[in-house]
Amino acid sequence: MIKEMQASPYIRINHLEFEKSTIDLPDIEFAISEIEKIVGIQLEDYFRDYIFVAEEIWIAWDYKQGSNYEKGGEFRLINLFDSLVRNKAKLWNDEMSQDKIEFLKSLRPFEDHPYSGDGKIGAFRISHGNSPEIWFYDLRTGYYKLSLTYEEYIELLLETKGFFNWQYLFCDAELHHYPANLKKYLTKMIDILYQIFPSFDREKYLEILNKKNK
């Protein structure tokens, strides 16, 4: 994906970091065991394919529109062990209600946007004894449960190149609950991705968008 973006004349990469892990399989099994023991959760088998996908993958990019560039997307994908065990993110403040504070304390960010600083993250929600849920937190609008597994989230993240706000297509809420003009923005996102990357499945995403709008 990164090489594809670097080769595109329509993409300007503003930030890029990729640290490949050298962890071998025995260490992965140990990490799974440690996460489950320390955090008190159960991880599905597919997590073994992602536990050390990288120490960190971070890319921020713009796309060319005429003679100018517009904001495209960003993601910093955090190593699963760091996200679930070593997480130190504080998403709350003392002015929030106690219920909101307790909810935000249950979130463990695994994907965020430090370059743009837009306050949007993908996060695990921790529930003792269960596999973590996947949530999207937008500092401006709230938090939304996603109808996705972590595996699906990663696949869609790569398909959309982390285009800002792609997660709203998969939130458990109707479009009218979201920011104004979101449908127009998401339609533009789909068209831009198809124009830049002809292999992008435009029809698939338009179908998802149309179902959200009903």
Protein backbone atom coordinates (compact mmCIF):
# COMPACT_ATOMS: atom_id res chain seq x y z
CA MET A 1 0.00 0.00 0.00
CA ILE A 2 2.74 2.47 0.93
CA LYS A 3 4.65 1.82 -2.30
CA GLU A 4 1.43 2.32 -4.26
CA MET A 5 0.90 5.70 -2.61
CA GLN A 6 4.51 6.74 -3.09
CA ALA A 7 4.26 5.94 -6.81
CA SER A 8 1.10 8.00 -7.35
CA PRO A 9 1.57 11.48 -8.92
CA TYR A 10 -1.63 12.57 -7.15
CA ILE A 11 -0.40 11.86 -3.62
CA ARG A 12 1.83 13.99 -1.43
CA ILE A 13 3.10 12.14 1.62
CA ASN A 14 3.62 14.48 4.57
CA HIS A 15 4.82 11.95 7.10
CA LEU A 16 5.93 8.32 6.90
CA GLU A 17 7.27 5.92 9.51
CA PHE A 18 7.40 2.16 9.31
CA GLU A 19 9.19 0.01 11.85
CA LYS A 20 9.06 -3.67 10.97
CA SER A 21 9.08 -6.05 13.91
CA THR A 22 11.56 -8.87 14.28
CA ILE A 23 9.47 -10.81 16.84
CA ASP A 24 9.27 -14.55 16.10
CA LEU A 25 6.37 -16.94 16.67
CA PRO A 26 7.22 -18.09 20.24
CA ASP A 27 7.26 -14.46 21.32
CA ILE A 28 3.88 -13.92 19.68
CA GLU A 29 2.37 -16.78 21.68
CA PHE A 30 3.91 -15.33 24.84
CA ALA A 31 2.53 -11.89 24.00
CA ILE A 32 -0.98 -13.29 23.49
CA SER A 33 -0.79 -15.03 26.85
CA GLU A 34 0.52 -11.90 28.59
CA ILE A 35 -2.15 -9.65 27.09
CA GLU A 36 -4.95 -12.00 28.13
CA LYS A 37 -3.53 -12.35 31.64
CA ILE A 38 -2.67 -8.69 32.28
CA VAL A 39 -5.70 -7.07 30.64
CA GLY A 40 -8.18 -9.82 31.53
CA ILE A 41 -9.58 -10.38 28.06
CA GLN A 42 -9.87 -13.21 25.53
CA LEU A 43 -8.36 -12.70 22.08
CA GLU A 44 -9.70 -14.52 19.05
CA ASP A 45 -7.24 -16.67 17.10
CA TYR A 46 -6.86 -14.19 14.22
CA PHE A 47 -5.12 -11.71 16.54
CA ARG A 48 -1.99 -13.87 16.24
CA ASP A 49 -1.62 -12.60 12.68
CA TYR A 50 -1.61 -8.99 13.88
CA ILE A 51 0.07 -9.00 17.26
CA PHE A 52 3.42 -7.84 15.89
CA VAL A 53 2.45 -6.66 12.43
CA ALA A 54 4.82 -3.74 13.10
CA GLU A 55 6.07 -1.68 15.98
CA GLU A 56 4.37 1.29 14.35
CA ILE A 57 3.05 2.23 10.91
CA TRP A 58 2.37 5.93 10.41
CA ILE A 59 1.47 7.77 7.24
CA ALA A 60 -0.17 11.14 6.60
CA TRP A 61 -0.99 12.30 3.08
CA ASP A 62 -2.74 14.85 0.87
CA TYR A 63 -4.15 14.42 -2.62
CA LYS A 64 -3.83 16.69 -5.63
CA GLN A 65 -6.97 18.54 -6.70
CA GLY A 66 -6.24 20.75 -9.68
CA SER A 67 -3.18 22.82 -8.86
CA ASN A 68 -3.68 22.50 -5.09
CA TYR A 69 -3.52 19.77 -2.48
CA GLU A 70 -6.32 18.82 -0.10
CA LYS A 71 -6.23 16.76 3.09
CA GLY A 72 -6.48 13.07 2.32
CA GLY A 73 -5.90 10.86 5.30
CA GLU A 74 -3.69 9.60 8.06
CA PHE A 75 -3.20 6.66 10.32
CA ARG A 76 -0.71 5.67 12.95
CA LEU A 77 -1.23 2.00 13.65
CA ILE A 78 0.09 1.06 17.07
CA ASN A 79 1.50 -2.34 17.97
CA LEU A 80 -1.17 -4.45 19.66
CA PHE A 81 0.88 -5.24 22.75
CA ASP A 82 1.59 -1.53 23.28
CA SER A 83 -2.04 -0.64 22.64
CA LEU A 84 -3.55 -3.16 25.04
CA VAL A 85 -0.92 -3.48 27.78
CA ARG A 86 1.24 -0.36 27.77
CA ASN A 87 -1.45 2.09 26.78
CA LYS A 88 -1.15 5.42 28.59
CA ALA A 89 -3.66 7.49 26.62
CA LYS A 90 -5.89 9.73 28.73
CA LEU A 91 -9.03 10.46 26.72
CA TRP A 92 -11.02 12.12 29.50
CA ASN A 93 -10.90 15.22 31.66
CA ASP A 94 -12.30 16.05 35.08
CA GLU A 95 -15.12 18.18 33.63
CA MET A 96 -16.77 15.16 32.01
CA SER A 97 -19.53 13.16 33.67
CA GLN A 98 -18.46 10.15 35.70
CA ASP A 99 -20.19 7.78 33.30
CA LYS A 100 -18.29 9.23 30.34
CA ILE A 101 -15.00 9.09 32.23
CA GLU A 102 -15.54 5.43 33.09
CA PHE A 103 -16.42 4.64 29.49
CA LEU A 104 -13.36 6.42 28.09
CA LYS A 105 -11.15 4.63 30.61
CA SER A 106 -12.26 1.36 29.00
CA LEU A 107 -10.88 2.42 25.59
CA ARG A 108 -7.40 1.46 24.38
CA PRO A 109 -6.38 3.39 21.22
CA PHE A 110 -4.72 1.34 18.48
CA GLU A 111 -4.95 3.90 15.64
CA ASP A 112 -4.72 7.68 15.78
CA HIS A 113 -3.69 10.82 13.86
CA PRO A 114 -0.80 12.67 15.55
CA TYR A 115 0.17 14.60 12.40
CA SER A 116 -3.22 16.24 11.85
CA GLY A 117 -4.18 16.22 15.53
CA ASP A 118 -7.87 15.85 14.63
CA GLY A 119 -8.78 13.98 17.82
CA LYS A 120 -10.06 10.84 16.06
CA ILE A 121 -9.01 7.36 17.08
CA GLY A 122 -9.78 3.70 16.54
CA ALA A 123 -9.87 1.92 19.89
CA PHE A 124 -10.52 -1.34 21.66
CA ARG A 125 -13.14 -1.30 24.37
CA ILE A 126 -12.07 -3.58 27.18
CA SER A 127 -14.64 -5.84 28.85
CA HIS A 128 -13.28 -8.33 31.38
CA GLY A 129 -13.30 -11.90 30.11
CA ASN A 130 -14.45 -11.00 26.59
CA SER A 131 -12.86 -10.21 23.25
CA PRO A 132 -12.47 -6.41 22.89
CA GLU A 133 -15.03 -4.41 20.92
CA ILE A 134 -13.97 -1.94 18.21
CA TRP A 135 -14.96 1.71 18.68
CA PHE A 136 -14.38 4.99 16.85
CA TYR A 137 -13.89 8.10 18.99
CA ASP A 138 -14.23 11.58 17.49
CA LEU A 139 -13.37 14.22 20.07
CA ARG A 140 -15.81 16.66 18.45
CA THR A 141 -18.85 14.42 18.08
CA GLY A 142 -18.59 11.45 20.43
CA TYR A 143 -17.86 7.73 20.37
CA TYR A 144 -19.43 5.08 18.19
CA LYS A 145 -19.34 1.30 18.22
CA LEU A 146 -18.18 -0.13 14.91
CA SER A 147 -19.79 -3.18 13.33
CA LEU A 148 -16.29 -4.53 12.62
CA THR A 149 -13.72 -6.90 14.02
CA TYR A 150 -10.15 -5.66 14.43
CA GLU A 151 -9.18 -7.74 11.41
CA GLU A 152 -11.87 -6.06 9.30
CA TYR A 153 -10.88 -2.63 10.59
CA ILE A 154 -7.30 -3.15 9.40
CA GLU A 155 -8.43 -4.39 5.99
CA LEU A 156 -10.69 -1.36 5.49
CA LEU A 157 -8.03 1.01 6.79
CA LEU A 158 -5.68 -0.25 4.09
CA GLU A 159 -8.37 -0.16 1.39
CA THR A 160 -9.25 3.46 2.15
CA LYS A 161 -5.62 4.47 2.78
CA GLY A 162 -6.83 5.93 6.08
CA PHE A 163 -8.91 8.61 4.33
CA PHE A 164 -10.26 10.86 7.07
CA ASN A 165 -13.67 9.80 8.47
CA TRP A 166 -13.96 6.47 6.62
CA GLN A 167 -15.00 4.89 9.93
CA TYR A 168 -18.37 6.67 9.85
CA LEU A 169 -19.46 4.20 7.15
CA PHE A 170 -19.36 1.41 9.74
CA CYS A 171 -20.69 3.05 12.91
CA ASP A 172 -23.80 1.66 14.57
CA ALA A 173 -25.84 4.80 13.93
CA GLU A 174 -27.64 6.52 11.08
CA LEU A 175 -26.03 9.31 9.06
CA HIS A 176 -28.28 12.01 10.54
CA HIS A 177 -26.57 11.45 13.91
CA TYR A 178 -23.22 12.47 12.44
CA PRO A 179 -21.68 15.85 11.50
CA ALA A 180 -23.44 17.97 8.87
CA ASN A 181 -22.55 17.29 5.22
CA LEU A 182 -21.00 13.93 6.12
CA LYS A 183 -22.78 12.07 3.30
CA LYS A 184 -21.43 14.57 0.76
CA TYR A 185 -17.94 14.20 2.22
CA LEU A 186 -18.05 10.39 2.15
CA THR A 187 -19.31 10.39 -1.43
CA LYS A 188 -16.40 12.63 -2.40
CA MET A 189 -14.01 10.34 -0.50
CA ILE A 190 -15.20 7.32 -2.49
CA ASP A 191 -14.88 9.17 -5.80
CA ILE A 192 -11.39 10.50 -4.97
CA LEU A 193 -10.10 7.07 -3.94
CA TYR A 194 -11.44 5.57 -7.17
CA GLN A 195 -9.90 8.33 -9.29
CA ILE A 196 -6.47 7.93 -7.71
CA PHE A 197 -6.57 4.15 -7.26
CA PRO A 198 -8.58 2.52 -10.09
CA SER A 199 -8.59 -0.85 -8.27
CA PHE A 200 -10.56 0.70 -5.39
CA ASP A 201 -13.99 -0.95 -5.17
CA ARG A 202 -16.14 2.14 -5.66
CA GLU A 203 -19.42 0.23 -6.03
CA LYS A 204 -18.89 -1.65 -2.78
CA TYR A 205 -18.45 1.56 -0.80
CA LEU A 206 -21.30 3.38 -2.52
CA GLU A 207 -23.57 0.48 -1.60
CA ILE A 208 -22.46 0.72 2.04
CA LEU A 209 -23.07 4.48 2.00
CA ASN A 210 -26.52 4.15 0.45
CA LYS A 211 -27.55 1.56 3.05
CA LYS A 212 -26.40 3.91 5.83
CA ASN A 213 -28.57 6.68 4.39
CA LYS A 214 -31.84 4.71 4.39
